[in-house]
């Protein structure tokens, strides 16, 4: 979503939802988080959320349907232990009252990647989509909603907080043209692509970034973006620009920095502004992923799901282990992350 002029964001989000919600992150945390207490709490929240969506099939019915799938001689269908449990919950979330999802492809743990597998329909029937060149139903081997539980475990992007710097501090000081915001850029944030395309990516950021729940685009505010290694700098460009940004700072609004497509999959920055009385003000800055992040879409695609209801403390615990979702960013979440900086 480009931020030209001023429009509103539905449901009070700080960033427009991109459809899939946070289900991939929550499911991974429920089964793979290193703290068993976090796993148990998140799994309970996940099961409550699924029940609230009113699944059209009981859990036992889906389990029986999956157990009955054998695959083919060339491509056997196997799901064991945790992987089976993951598939059952994704299917329950998919096949619920009012859901537009009519079929979900479940990928065997014998498969590397997310192609092929059993295509289950919402009446729990289905067919096998084979991957090899002469296989049956090959058109269905890649398309539509799917879940690849084994691939979930292979997504090797779990890091410590110090590795991916989910929460950090940006600074603001007065320069020659007014306010200058200095935002640290970690080396792993690939959407920056600043090694070779400084000007282009800075234009992308300016065109797709905004301030406030009622969106005021960087362009409308007269803000410019430049790269000064190792940081991004955001400048006010005129007295009018300074006045407009000052109003947002007084309101405690949030600056949302997004590079837009095709870079949006690599995450979004949220910077919580506030009135600054110091010569150099510091702002809590949070990096979060969207549903189009490769670490999420590699193992599951299930559109039209809402955000799972989790307390900010559990979202913080997940964010100590893996990047948070853009739908989580709220005042309470900022406070939870800000306590550790």
C-alpha atoms as a PDB file:
ATOM      1  CA  UNK A   1       0.000   0.000   0.000  1.00  0.00           C
ATOM      2  CA  UNK A   2       1.484   3.303  -1.006  1.00  0.00           C
ATOM      3  CA  UNK A   3       1.098   6.178   1.385  1.00  0.00           C
ATOM      4  CA  UNK A   4       0.100   9.156  -0.728  1.00  0.00           C
ATOM      5  CA  UNK A   5      -1.993  11.853   0.955  1.00  0.00           C
ATOM      6  CA  UNK A   6      -3.815  10.891   4.137  1.00  0.00           C
ATOM      7  CA  UNK A   7      -6.027   7.836   4.599  1.00  0.00           C
ATOM      8  CA  UNK A   8      -6.919   5.572   7.478  1.00  0.00           C
ATOM      9  CA  UNK A   9      -5.718   2.078   8.409  1.00  0.00           C
ATOM     10  CA  UNK A  10      -8.525  -0.321   9.222  1.00  0.00           C
ATOM     11  CA  UNK A  11      -8.921  -1.887  12.652  1.00  0.00           C
ATOM     12  CA  UNK A  12      -6.393   0.497  14.218  1.00  0.00           C
ATOM     13  CA  UNK A  13      -3.357  -1.352  12.856  1.00  0.00           C
ATOM     14  CA  UNK A  14      -0.110   0.537  12.459  1.00  0.00           C
ATOM     15  CA  UNK A  15       0.505  -1.239   9.158  1.00  0.00           C
ATOM     16  CA  UNK A  16      -2.024  -2.575   6.612  1.00  0.00           C
ATOM     17  CA  UNK A  17      -2.556  -6.311   7.070  1.00  0.00           C
ATOM     18  CA  UNK A  18      -1.483  -8.458   4.131  1.00  0.00           C
ATOM     19  CA  UNK A  19      -4.131 -11.151   4.516  1.00  0.00           C
ATOM     20  CA  UNK A  20      -2.422 -14.182   5.987  1.00  0.00           C
ATOM     21  CA  UNK A  21      -2.150 -12.904   9.537  1.00  0.00           C
ATOM     22  CA  UNK A  22       0.400 -14.192  12.020  1.00  0.00           C
ATOM     23  CA  UNK A  23      -0.601 -17.874  11.898  1.00  0.00           C
ATOM     24  CA  UNK A  24       2.793 -19.065  10.538  1.00  0.00           C
ATOM     25  CA  UNK A  25       4.709 -17.418  13.390  1.00  0.00           C
ATOM     26  CA  UNK A  26       2.283 -18.561  16.071  1.00  0.00           C
ATOM     27  CA  UNK A  27       2.219 -22.189  14.893  1.00  0.00           C
ATOM     28  CA  UNK A  28       6.016 -22.331  14.748  1.00  0.00           C
ATOM     29  CA  UNK A  29       6.267 -20.907  18.252  1.00  0.00           C
ATOM     30  CA  UNK A  30       3.622 -23.318  19.582  1.00  0.00           C
ATOM     31  CA  UNK A  31       5.684 -26.318  18.471  1.00  0.00           C
ATOM     32  CA  UNK A  32       9.306 -25.163  18.163  1.00  0.00           C
ATOM     33  CA  UNK A  33       9.953 -22.393  20.702  1.00  0.00           C
ATOM     34  CA  UNK A  34      12.824 -23.494  22.980  1.00  0.00           C
ATOM     35  CA  UNK A  35      10.927 -22.627  26.181  1.00  0.00           C
ATOM     36  CA  UNK A  36       8.359 -25.328  26.961  1.00  0.00           C
ATOM     37  CA  UNK A  37       6.269 -22.877  29.011  1.00  0.00           C
ATOM     38  CA  UNK A  38       6.001 -20.519  26.051  1.00  0.00           C
ATOM     39  CA  UNK A  39       5.090 -23.416  23.768  1.00  0.00           C
ATOM     40  CA  UNK A  40       2.302 -24.505  26.104  1.00  0.00           C
ATOM     41  CA  UNK A  41       0.846 -21.009  26.481  1.00  0.00           C
ATOM     42  CA  UNK A  42       0.978 -20.256  22.757  1.00  0.00           C
ATOM     43  CA  UNK A  43      -0.506 -23.638  21.842  1.00  0.00           C
ATOM     44  CA  UNK A  44      -3.407 -23.036  24.230  1.00  0.00           C
ATOM     45  CA  UNK A  45      -4.012 -19.608  22.689  1.00  0.00           C
ATOM     46  CA  UNK A  46      -3.817 -21.107  19.201  1.00  0.00           C
ATOM     47  CA  UNK A  47      -6.370 -23.811  20.031  1.00  0.00           C
ATOM     48  CA  UNK A  48      -8.748 -21.229  21.531  1.00  0.00           C
ATOM     49  CA  UNK A  49      -8.421 -19.077  18.417  1.00  0.00           C
ATOM     50  CA  UNK A  50      -9.153 -22.056  16.147  1.00  0.00           C
ATOM     51  CA  UNK A  51     -12.238 -22.929  18.202  1.00  0.00           C
ATOM     52  CA  UNK A  52     -13.476 -19.342  17.889  1.00  0.00           C
ATOM     53  CA  UNK A  53     -13.247 -19.648  14.099  1.00  0.00           C
ATOM     54  CA  UNK A  54     -15.819 -22.483  14.330  1.00  0.00           C
ATOM     55  CA  UNK A  55     -14.179 -25.344  12.395  1.00  0.00           C
ATOM     56  CA  UNK A  56     -16.658 -27.289  10.258  1.00  0.00           C
ATOM     57  CA  UNK A  57     -14.946 -30.595  11.143  1.00  0.00           C
ATOM     58  CA  UNK A  58     -14.000 -32.005  14.519  1.00  0.00           C
ATOM     59  CA  UNK A  59     -10.315 -32.515  15.158  1.00  0.00           C
ATOM     60  CA  UNK A  60     -10.816 -36.299  15.206  1.00  0.00           C
ATOM     61  CA  UNK A  61     -12.402 -36.229  11.735  1.00  0.00           C
ATOM     62  CA  UNK A  62      -9.426 -34.406  10.252  1.00  0.00           C
ATOM     63  CA  UNK A  63      -7.020 -36.773  11.997  1.00  0.00           C
ATOM     64  CA  UNK A  64      -8.808 -39.821  10.542  1.00  0.00           C
ATOM     65  CA  UNK A  65      -8.768 -38.265   7.072  1.00  0.00           C
ATOM     66  CA  UNK A  66      -5.019 -37.620   7.262  1.00  0.00           C
ATOM     67  CA  UNK A  67      -4.215 -41.060   8.629  1.00  0.00           C
ATOM     68  CA  UNK A  68      -6.014 -42.594   5.661  1.00  0.00           C
ATOM     69  CA  UNK A  69      -3.717 -40.858   3.134  1.00  0.00           C
ATOM     70  CA  UNK A  70      -0.937 -43.099   1.846  1.00  0.00           C
ATOM     71  CA  UNK A  71       0.402 -41.157  -1.139  1.00  0.00           C
ATOM     72  CA  UNK A  72       1.819 -42.970  -4.152  1.00  0.00           C
ATOM     73  CA  UNK A  73       4.559 -45.525  -4.726  1.00  0.00           C
ATOM     74  CA  UNK A  74       6.949 -42.835  -5.886  1.00  0.00           C
ATOM     75  CA  UNK A  75       5.804 -40.147  -3.455  1.00  0.00           C
ATOM     76  CA  UNK A  76       4.643 -41.683  -0.155  1.00  0.00           C
ATOM     77  CA  UNK A  77       2.737 -39.475   2.278  1.00  0.00           C
ATOM     78  CA  UNK A  78       4.191 -39.386   5.780  1.00  0.00           C
ATOM     79  CA  UNK A  79       3.521 -37.027   8.683  1.00  0.00           C
ATOM     80  CA  UNK A  80       4.779 -37.986  12.109  1.00  0.00           C
ATOM     81  CA  UNK A  81       4.385 -36.566  15.603  1.00  0.00           C
ATOM     82  CA  UNK A  82       4.667 -32.766  15.642  1.00  0.00           C
ATOM     83  CA  UNK A  83       4.298 -32.475  11.881  1.00  0.00           C
ATOM     84  CA  UNK A  84       0.980 -34.304  12.007  1.00  0.00           C
ATOM     85  CA  UNK A  85      -0.242 -31.990  14.786  1.00  0.00           C
ATOM     86  CA  UNK A  86       0.767 -28.913  12.782  1.00  0.00           C
ATOM     87  CA  UNK A  87      -1.137 -30.111   9.722  1.00  0.00           C
ATOM     88  CA  UNK A  88      -4.283 -30.835  11.750  1.00  0.00           C
ATOM     89  CA  UNK A  89      -4.365 -27.342  13.236  1.00  0.00           C
ATOM     90  CA  UNK A  90      -3.753 -25.597   9.914  1.00  0.00           C
ATOM     91  CA  UNK A  91      -6.590 -27.618   8.353  1.00  0.00           C
ATOM     92  CA  UNK A  92      -8.910 -26.734  11.222  1.00  0.00           C
ATOM     93  CA  UNK A  93      -8.066 -23.039  10.775  1.00  0.00           C
ATOM     94  CA  UNK A  94      -8.653 -23.323   7.022  1.00  0.00           C
ATOM     95  CA  UNK A  95     -11.949 -25.216   7.039  1.00  0.00           C
ATOM     96  CA  UNK A  96     -14.127 -23.056   9.274  1.00  0.00           C
ATOM     97  CA  UNK A  97     -17.444 -21.255   9.019  1.00  0.00           C
ATOM     98  CA  UNK A  98     -17.241 -18.413   6.488  1.00  0.00           C
ATOM     99  CA  UNK A  99     -13.756 -19.300   5.241  1.00  0.00           C
ATOM    100  CA  UNK A 100     -13.175 -18.965   1.473  1.00  0.00           C
ATOM    101  CA  UNK A 101     -10.580 -21.768   1.574  1.00  0.00           C
ATOM    102  CA  UNK A 102     -11.930 -24.875  -0.163  1.00  0.00           C
ATOM    103  CA  UNK A 103      -8.780 -26.979  -0.418  1.00  0.00           C
ATOM    104  CA  UNK A 104      -5.388 -27.201   1.260  1.00  0.00           C
ATOM    105  CA  UNK A 105      -2.358 -29.117  -0.014  1.00  0.00           C
ATOM    106  CA  UNK A 106      -0.463 -30.995   2.713  1.00  0.00           C
ATOM    107  CA  UNK A 107       3.170 -31.795   1.885  1.00  0.00           C
ATOM    108  CA  UNK A 108       4.708 -35.051   3.086  1.00  0.00           C
ATOM    109  CA  UNK A 109       7.708 -34.884   5.399  1.00  0.00           C
ATOM    110  CA  UNK A 110       9.490 -37.107   2.881  1.00  0.00           C
ATOM    111  CA  UNK A 111       9.487 -34.136   0.493  1.00  0.00           C
ATOM    112  CA  UNK A 112      12.126 -31.411   0.517  1.00  0.00           C
ATOM    113  CA  UNK A 113      10.430 -28.124  -0.275  1.00  0.00           C
ATOM    114  CA  UNK A 114       6.747 -27.282  -0.484  1.00  0.00           C
ATOM    115  CA  UNK A 115       5.608 -28.885  -3.734  1.00  0.00           C
ATOM    116  CA  UNK A 116       3.263 -31.799  -4.248  1.00  0.00           C
ATOM    117  CA  UNK A 117       1.304 -33.610  -1.570  1.00  0.00           C
ATOM    118  CA  UNK A 118      -2.263 -34.506  -0.681  1.00  0.00           C
ATOM    119  CA  UNK A 119      -4.834 -31.890  -1.712  1.00  0.00           C
ATOM    120  CA  UNK A 120      -7.605 -32.074   0.895  1.00  0.00           C
ATOM    121  CA  UNK A 121     -10.947 -30.450   0.140  1.00  0.00           C
ATOM    122  CA  UNK A 122     -13.252 -28.938   2.737  1.00  0.00           C
ATOM    123  CA  UNK A 123     -15.349 -32.130   2.741  1.00  0.00           C
ATOM    124  CA  UNK A 124     -12.177 -34.076   3.705  1.00  0.00           C
ATOM    125  CA  UNK A 125     -11.901 -35.837   0.343  1.00  0.00           C
ATOM    126  CA  UNK A 126      -8.958 -35.207  -1.920  1.00  0.00           C
ATOM    127  CA  UNK A 127      -6.384 -36.304  -4.453  1.00  0.00           C
ATOM    128  CA  UNK A 128      -2.604 -36.544  -4.681  1.00  0.00           C
ATOM    129  CA  UNK A 129      -0.623 -33.929  -6.625  1.00  0.00           C
ATOM    130  CA  UNK A 130       2.609 -35.540  -7.797  1.00  0.00           C
ATOM    131  CA  UNK A 131       5.798 -33.634  -8.538  1.00  0.00           C
ATOM    132  CA  UNK A 132       7.574 -35.786 -11.083  1.00  0.00           C
ATOM    133  CA  UNK A 133       7.170 -34.867 -14.813  1.00  0.00           C
ATOM    134  CA  UNK A 134       4.656 -37.596 -15.679  1.00  0.00           C
ATOM    135  CA  UNK A 135       2.825 -37.477 -12.369  1.00  0.00           C
ATOM    136  CA  UNK A 136      -0.891 -36.959 -11.846  1.00  0.00           C
ATOM    137  CA  UNK A 137      -2.448 -33.578 -10.999  1.00  0.00           C
ATOM    138  CA  UNK A 138       0.834 -31.740 -11.475  1.00  0.00           C
ATOM    139  CA  UNK A 139      -0.954 -28.386 -11.862  1.00  0.00           C
ATOM    140  CA  UNK A 140      -1.964 -28.620  -8.237  1.00  0.00           C
ATOM    141  CA  UNK A 141       1.548 -29.409  -7.022  1.00  0.00           C
ATOM    142  CA  UNK A 142       2.431 -25.754  -6.335  1.00  0.00           C
ATOM    143  CA  UNK A 143      -0.713 -23.639  -6.304  1.00  0.00           C
ATOM    144  CA  UNK A 144      -3.257 -22.645  -3.667  1.00  0.00           C
ATOM    145  CA  UNK A 145      -3.221 -22.917   0.106  1.00  0.00           C
ATOM    146  CA  UNK A 146      -0.709 -25.399   1.508  1.00  0.00           C
ATOM    147  CA  UNK A 147       1.160 -26.507   4.595  1.00  0.00           C
ATOM    148  CA  UNK A 148       4.568 -28.212   4.630  1.00  0.00           C
ATOM    149  CA  UNK A 149       5.191 -29.060   8.317  1.00  0.00           C
ATOM    150  CA  UNK A 150       8.665 -30.496   7.802  1.00  0.00           C
ATOM    151  CA  UNK A 151       9.695 -27.377   5.911  1.00  0.00           C
ATOM    152  CA  UNK A 152       8.599 -25.332   8.926  1.00  0.00           C
ATOM    153  CA  UNK A 153      11.333 -27.036  10.928  1.00  0.00           C
ATOM    154  CA  UNK A 154      13.893 -26.394   8.192  1.00  0.00           C
ATOM    155  CA  UNK A 155      13.348 -22.621   8.176  1.00  0.00           C
ATOM    156  CA  UNK A 156      16.623 -21.752   9.838  1.00  0.00           C
ATOM    157  CA  UNK A 157      15.975 -18.125  10.712  1.00  0.00           C
ATOM    158  CA  UNK A 158      15.626 -18.459  14.480  1.00  0.00           C
ATOM    159  CA  UNK A 159      18.248 -16.214  16.054  1.00  0.00           C
ATOM    160  CA  UNK A 160      18.898 -14.503  19.326  1.00  0.00           C
ATOM    161  CA  UNK A 161      17.805 -10.906  19.775  1.00  0.00           C
ATOM    162  CA  UNK A 162      21.370  -9.718  19.325  1.00  0.00           C
ATOM    163  CA  UNK A 163      21.499 -11.458  15.942  1.00  0.00           C
ATOM    164  CA  UNK A 164      18.500  -9.788  14.350  1.00  0.00           C
ATOM    165  CA  UNK A 165      18.019  -6.668  16.510  1.00  0.00           C
ATOM    166  CA  UNK A 166      14.219  -6.734  16.572  1.00  0.00           C
ATOM    167  CA  UNK A 167      14.328  -3.834  19.053  1.00  0.00           C
ATOM    168  CA  UNK A 168      16.882  -1.064  18.874  1.00  0.00           C
ATOM    169  CA  UNK A 169      17.148   2.693  19.383  1.00  0.00           C
ATOM    170  CA  UNK A 170      16.939   5.353  16.706  1.00  0.00           C
ATOM    171  CA  UNK A 171      18.024   8.896  17.443  1.00  0.00           C
ATOM    172  CA  UNK A 172      16.737  12.320  16.477  1.00  0.00           C
ATOM    173  CA  UNK A 173      18.760  15.525  16.498  1.00  0.00           C
ATOM    174  CA  UNK A 174      18.538  18.978  14.944  1.00  0.00           C
ATOM    175  CA  UNK A 175      20.523  19.427  11.745  1.00  0.00           C
ATOM    176  CA  UNK A 176      20.822  22.107   9.086  1.00  0.00           C
ATOM    177  CA  UNK A 177      17.335  21.492   7.641  1.00  0.00           C
ATOM    178  CA  UNK A 178      15.546  20.673  10.900  1.00  0.00           C
ATOM    179  CA  UNK A 179      15.041  17.241  12.406  1.00  0.00           C
ATOM    180  CA  UNK A 180      17.301  14.352  11.408  1.00  0.00           C
ATOM    181  CA  UNK A 181      16.295  10.810  12.367  1.00  0.00           C
ATOM    182  CA  UNK A 182      19.140   8.285  12.382  1.00  0.00           C
ATOM    183  CA  UNK A 183      17.932   4.676  12.038  1.00  0.00           C
ATOM    184  CA  UNK A 184      20.469   1.846  12.448  1.00  0.00           C
ATOM    185  CA  UNK A 185      20.499  -0.654   9.584  1.00  0.00           C
ATOM    186  CA  UNK A 186      21.649  -4.194  10.461  1.00  0.00           C
ATOM    187  CA  UNK A 187      23.700  -6.015   7.845  1.00  0.00           C
ATOM    188  CA  UNK A 188      21.158  -8.804   7.470  1.00  0.00           C
ATOM    189  CA  UNK A 189      18.249  -6.507   6.470  1.00  0.00           C
ATOM    190  CA  UNK A 190      18.426  -7.398   2.802  1.00  0.00           C
ATOM    191  CA  UNK A 191      15.666  -5.089   1.588  1.00  0.00           C
ATOM    192  CA  UNK A 192      18.030  -2.175   1.983  1.00  0.00           C
ATOM    193  CA  UNK A 193      20.227  -3.332  -0.940  1.00  0.00           C
ATOM    194  CA  UNK A 194      22.321  -0.291  -0.236  1.00  0.00           C
ATOM    195  CA  UNK A 195      25.548  -1.725  -1.598  1.00  0.00           C
ATOM    196  CA  UNK A 196      24.622  -0.910  -5.193  1.00  0.00           C
ATOM    197  CA  UNK A 197      21.227   0.858  -5.257  1.00  0.00           C
ATOM    198  CA  UNK A 198      21.383   3.593  -2.623  1.00  0.00           C
ATOM    199  CA  UNK A 199      19.269   6.180  -4.415  1.00  0.00           C
ATOM    200  CA  UNK A 200      16.681   3.749  -5.731  1.00  0.00           C
ATOM    201  CA  UNK A 201      15.977   2.035  -2.429  1.00  0.00           C
ATOM    202  CA  UNK A 202      15.861   5.380  -0.617  1.00  0.00           C
ATOM    203  CA  UNK A 203      13.211   6.516  -3.125  1.00  0.00           C
ATOM    204  CA  UNK A 204      11.286   3.289  -2.477  1.00  0.00           C
ATOM    205  CA  UNK A 205      11.375   3.955   1.260  1.00  0.00           C
ATOM    206  CA  UNK A 206      10.230   7.569   0.808  1.00  0.00           C
ATOM    207  CA  UNK A 207       7.363   6.498  -1.475  1.00  0.00           C
ATOM    208  CA  UNK A 208       6.037   3.751   0.836  1.00  0.00           C
ATOM    209  CA  UNK A 209       6.658   5.073   4.344  1.00  0.00           C
ATOM    210  CA  UNK A 210       4.376   7.158   6.531  1.00  0.00           C
ATOM    211  CA  UNK A 211       3.688   8.549   9.991  1.00  0.00           C
ATOM    212  CA  UNK A 212       0.602   8.121  12.150  1.00  0.00           C
ATOM    213  CA  UNK A 213      -2.494   5.902  12.247  1.00  0.00           C
ATOM    214  CA  UNK A 214      -4.047   8.382   9.843  1.00  0.00           C
ATOM    215  CA  UNK A 215      -1.354   8.041   7.234  1.00  0.00           C
ATOM    216  CA  UNK A 216       0.782  11.074   6.464  1.00  0.00           C
ATOM    217  CA  UNK A 217       3.240   9.984   3.792  1.00  0.00           C
ATOM    218  CA  UNK A 218       6.897  10.935   3.886  1.00  0.00           C
ATOM    219  CA  UNK A 219       6.284  12.858   0.654  1.00  0.00           C
ATOM    220  CA  UNK A 220       3.350  14.797   2.158  1.00  0.00           C
ATOM    221  CA  UNK A 221       5.493  15.630   5.195  1.00  0.00           C
ATOM    222  CA  UNK A 222       8.410  16.796   3.053  1.00  0.00           C
ATOM    223  CA  UNK A 223      10.734  14.098   4.410  1.00  0.00           C
ATOM    224  CA  UNK A 224      13.759  12.850   2.489  1.00  0.00           C
ATOM    225  CA  UNK A 225      15.706   9.602   2.971  1.00  0.00           C
ATOM    226  CA  UNK A 226      19.410   8.976   2.474  1.00  0.00           C
ATOM    227  CA  UNK A 227      21.894   6.277   3.340  1.00  0.00           C
ATOM    228  CA  UNK A 228      24.911   7.187   5.473  1.00  0.00           C
ATOM    229  CA  UNK A 229      26.633   3.902   6.356  1.00  0.00           C
ATOM    230  CA  UNK A 230      25.696   2.165   8.540  1.00  0.00           C
ATOM    231  CA  UNK A 231      22.462   4.120   9.045  1.00  0.00           C
ATOM    232  CA  UNK A 232      19.454   5.477   7.220  1.00  0.00           C
ATOM    233  CA  UNK A 233      18.834   9.188   7.716  1.00  0.00           C
ATOM    234  CA  UNK A 234      15.377  10.770   7.450  1.00  0.00           C
ATOM    235  CA  UNK A 235      15.406  14.582   7.159  1.00  0.00           C
ATOM    236  CA  UNK A 236      12.778  17.281   7.370  1.00  0.00           C
ATOM    237  CA  UNK A 237      13.272  19.495   4.330  1.00  0.00           C
ATOM    238  CA  UNK A 238      11.696  22.859   5.216  1.00  0.00           C
ATOM    239  CA  UNK A 239      10.190  24.847   8.116  1.00  0.00           C
ATOM    240  CA  UNK A 240       6.737  23.564   7.094  1.00  0.00           C
ATOM    241  CA  UNK A 241       8.044  20.002   7.104  1.00  0.00           C
ATOM    242  CA  UNK A 242       9.538  20.537  10.563  1.00  0.00           C
ATOM    243  CA  UNK A 243       6.202  21.849  11.891  1.00  0.00           C
ATOM    244  CA  UNK A 244       4.235  18.899  10.506  1.00  0.00           C
ATOM    245  CA  UNK A 245       6.633  16.329  11.912  1.00  0.00           C
ATOM    246  CA  UNK A 246       6.668  18.156  15.273  1.00  0.00           C
ATOM    247  CA  UNK A 247       2.896  17.683  15.497  1.00  0.00           C
ATOM    248  CA  UNK A 248       3.290  13.926  15.007  1.00  0.00           C
ATOM    249  CA  UNK A 249       6.034  13.826  17.623  1.00  0.00           C
ATOM    250  CA  UNK A 250       3.791  15.672  20.084  1.00  0.00           C
ATOM    251  CA  UNK A 251       1.037  13.097  19.432  1.00  0.00           C
ATOM    252  CA  UNK A 252       3.415  10.191  20.064  1.00  0.00           C
ATOM    253  CA  UNK A 253       2.696   8.822  16.585  1.00  0.00           C
ATOM    254  CA  UNK A 254       4.588   5.964  14.980  1.00  0.00           C
ATOM    255  CA  UNK A 255       6.861   6.303  11.963  1.00  0.00           C
ATOM    256  CA  UNK A 256       6.470   3.282   9.679  1.00  0.00           C
ATOM    257  CA  UNK A 257       9.311   2.676   7.234  1.00  0.00           C
ATOM    258  CA  UNK A 258       8.575   0.253   4.419  1.00  0.00           C
ATOM    259  CA  UNK A 259      10.474  -0.186   1.151  1.00  0.00           C
ATOM    260  CA  UNK A 260       7.333  -1.323  -0.698  1.00  0.00           C
ATOM    261  CA  UNK A 261       7.262  -4.098  -3.256  1.00  0.00           C
ATOM    262  CA  UNK A 262       9.250  -6.087  -4.152  1.00  0.00           C
ATOM    263  CA  UNK A 263      11.262  -5.505  -0.968  1.00  0.00           C
ATOM    264  CA  UNK A 264       8.407  -5.554   1.538  1.00  0.00           C
ATOM    265  CA  UNK A 265       8.893  -9.275   2.151  1.00  0.00           C
ATOM    266  CA  UNK A 266      12.027  -8.474   4.120  1.00  0.00           C
ATOM    267  CA  UNK A 267      10.265  -6.495   6.822  1.00  0.00           C
ATOM    268  CA  UNK A 268       9.116  -3.114   8.078  1.00  0.00           C
ATOM    269  CA  UNK A 269      10.530  -0.671  10.661  1.00  0.00           C
ATOM    270  CA  UNK A 270       8.336   0.943  13.341  1.00  0.00           C
ATOM    271  CA  UNK A 271       9.722   3.954  15.217  1.00  0.00           C
ATOM    272  CA  UNK A 272       7.747   5.280  18.173  1.00  0.00           C
ATOM    273  CA  UNK A 273       8.005   9.079  18.174  1.00  0.00           C
ATOM    274  CA  UNK A 274       7.564  11.333  21.180  1.00  0.00           C
ATOM    275  CA  UNK A 275       8.211  14.980  22.063  1.00  0.00           C
ATOM    276  CA  UNK A 276      11.937  15.531  22.457  1.00  0.00           C
ATOM    277  CA  UNK A 277      13.357  17.970  24.965  1.00  0.00           C
ATOM    278  CA  UNK A 278      16.911  16.634  24.783  1.00  0.00           C
ATOM    279  CA  UNK A 279      19.475  17.679  22.180  1.00  0.00           C
ATOM    280  CA  UNK A 280      19.492  14.059  21.008  1.00  0.00           C
ATOM    281  CA  UNK A 281      16.270  12.094  21.542  1.00  0.00           C
ATOM    282  CA  UNK A 282      16.134   8.291  21.421  1.00  0.00           C
ATOM    283  CA  UNK A 283      13.183   6.299  20.094  1.00  0.00           C
ATOM    284  CA  UNK A 284      12.340   2.623  20.449  1.00  0.00           C
ATOM    285  CA  UNK A 285      12.554   1.047  16.994  1.00  0.00           C
ATOM    286  CA  UNK A 286      11.070  -2.340  16.153  1.00  0.00           C
ATOM    287  CA  UNK A 287      11.634  -4.453  13.065  1.00  0.00           C
ATOM    288  CA  UNK A 288       8.833  -6.857  12.076  1.00  0.00           C
ATOM    289  CA  UNK A 289       8.066  -9.227   9.216  1.00  0.00           C
ATOM    290  CA  UNK A 290       5.035  -9.310   6.934  1.00  0.00           C
ATOM    291  CA  UNK A 291       3.123 -12.405   5.891  1.00  0.00           C
ATOM    292  CA  UNK A 292       5.011 -12.337   2.590  1.00  0.00           C
ATOM    293  CA  UNK A 293       8.342 -12.943   4.341  1.00  0.00           C
ATOM    294  CA  UNK A 294      10.146 -15.932   2.767  1.00  0.00           C
ATOM    295  CA  UNK A 295      10.660 -17.510   6.200  1.00  0.00           C
ATOM    296  CA  UNK A 296       6.864 -17.753   6.515  1.00  0.00           C
ATOM    297  CA  UNK A 297       5.670 -18.432   2.958  1.00  0.00           C
ATOM    298  CA  UNK A 298       8.176 -21.266   2.473  1.00  0.00           C
ATOM    299  CA  UNK A 299       6.105 -23.644   4.567  1.00  0.00           C
ATOM    300  CA  UNK A 300       2.517 -22.386   4.684  1.00  0.00           C
ATOM    301  CA  UNK A 301       0.062 -20.284   2.717  1.00  0.00           C
ATOM    302  CA  UNK A 302      -3.380 -19.745   4.149  1.00  0.00           C
ATOM    303  CA  UNK A 303      -5.063 -16.497   3.210  1.00  0.00           C
ATOM    304  CA  UNK A 304      -7.849 -14.628   4.960  1.00  0.00           C
ATOM    305  CA  UNK A 305      -6.912 -15.485   8.537  1.00  0.00           C
ATOM    306  CA  UNK A 306      -7.072 -13.004  11.367  1.00  0.00           C
ATOM    307  CA  UNK A 307      -4.408 -12.308  13.944  1.00  0.00           C
ATOM    308  CA  UNK A 308      -4.214 -14.913  16.712  1.00  0.00           C
ATOM    309  CA  UNK A 309      -5.124 -13.433  20.100  1.00  0.00           C
ATOM    310  CA  UNK A 310      -1.914 -13.506  22.156  1.00  0.00           C
ATOM    311  CA  UNK A 311      -0.909 -11.351  25.138  1.00  0.00           C
ATOM    312  CA  UNK A 312       1.948  -8.928  24.454  1.00  0.00           C
ATOM    313  CA  UNK A 313       4.107 -10.819  26.940  1.00  0.00           C
ATOM    314  CA  UNK A 314       3.905 -13.983  24.783  1.00  0.00           C
ATOM    315  CA  UNK A 315       4.519 -12.000  21.620  1.00  0.00           C
ATOM    316  CA  UNK A 316       7.586 -10.577  23.327  1.00  0.00           C
ATOM    317  CA  UNK A 317       8.732 -14.110  24.263  1.00  0.00           C
ATOM    318  CA  UNK A 318       8.334 -15.198  20.637  1.00  0.00           C
ATOM    319  CA  UNK A 319      10.234 -12.116  19.474  1.00  0.00           C
ATOM    320  CA  UNK A 320      13.188 -13.112  21.645  1.00  0.00           C
ATOM    321  CA  UNK A 321      13.452 -16.133  19.362  1.00  0.00           C
ATOM    322  CA  UNK A 322      12.098 -15.122  15.934  1.00  0.00           C
ATOM    323  CA  UNK A 323      11.006 -11.878  14.237  1.00  0.00           C
ATOM    324  CA  UNK A 324       7.572 -10.540  15.220  1.00  0.00           C
ATOM    325  CA  UNK A 325       4.663  -9.979  12.830  1.00  0.00           C
ATOM    326  CA  UNK A 326       3.629  -6.483  11.717  1.00  0.00           C
ATOM    327  CA  UNK A 327       0.120  -7.023  13.131  1.00  0.00           C
ATOM    328  CA  UNK A 328       1.605  -7.243  16.652  1.00  0.00           C
ATOM    329  CA  UNK A 329       2.962  -3.717  16.744  1.00  0.00           C
ATOM    330  CA  UNK A 330       1.049  -1.759  19.377  1.00  0.00           C
ATOM    331  CA  UNK A 331       1.751   0.548  22.290  1.00  0.00           C
ATOM    332  CA  UNK A 332       1.895  -2.406  24.681  1.00  0.00           C
ATOM    333  CA  UNK A 333       4.255  -4.335  22.422  1.00  0.00           C
ATOM    334  CA  UNK A 334       6.574  -1.317  22.127  1.00  0.00           C
ATOM    335  CA  UNK A 335       6.676  -1.146  25.918  1.00  0.00           C
ATOM    336  CA  UNK A 336       7.438  -4.871  26.256  1.00  0.00           C
ATOM    337  CA  UNK A 337      10.372  -4.659  23.815  1.00  0.00           C
ATOM    338  CA  UNK A 338      11.568  -1.289  25.057  1.00  0.00           C
ATOM    339  CA  UNK A 339      12.218  -2.655  28.557  1.00  0.00           C
ATOM    340  CA  UNK A 340      15.162  -4.728  27.321  1.00  0.00           C
ATOM    341  CA  UNK A 341      17.032  -1.975  25.516  1.00  0.00           C
END
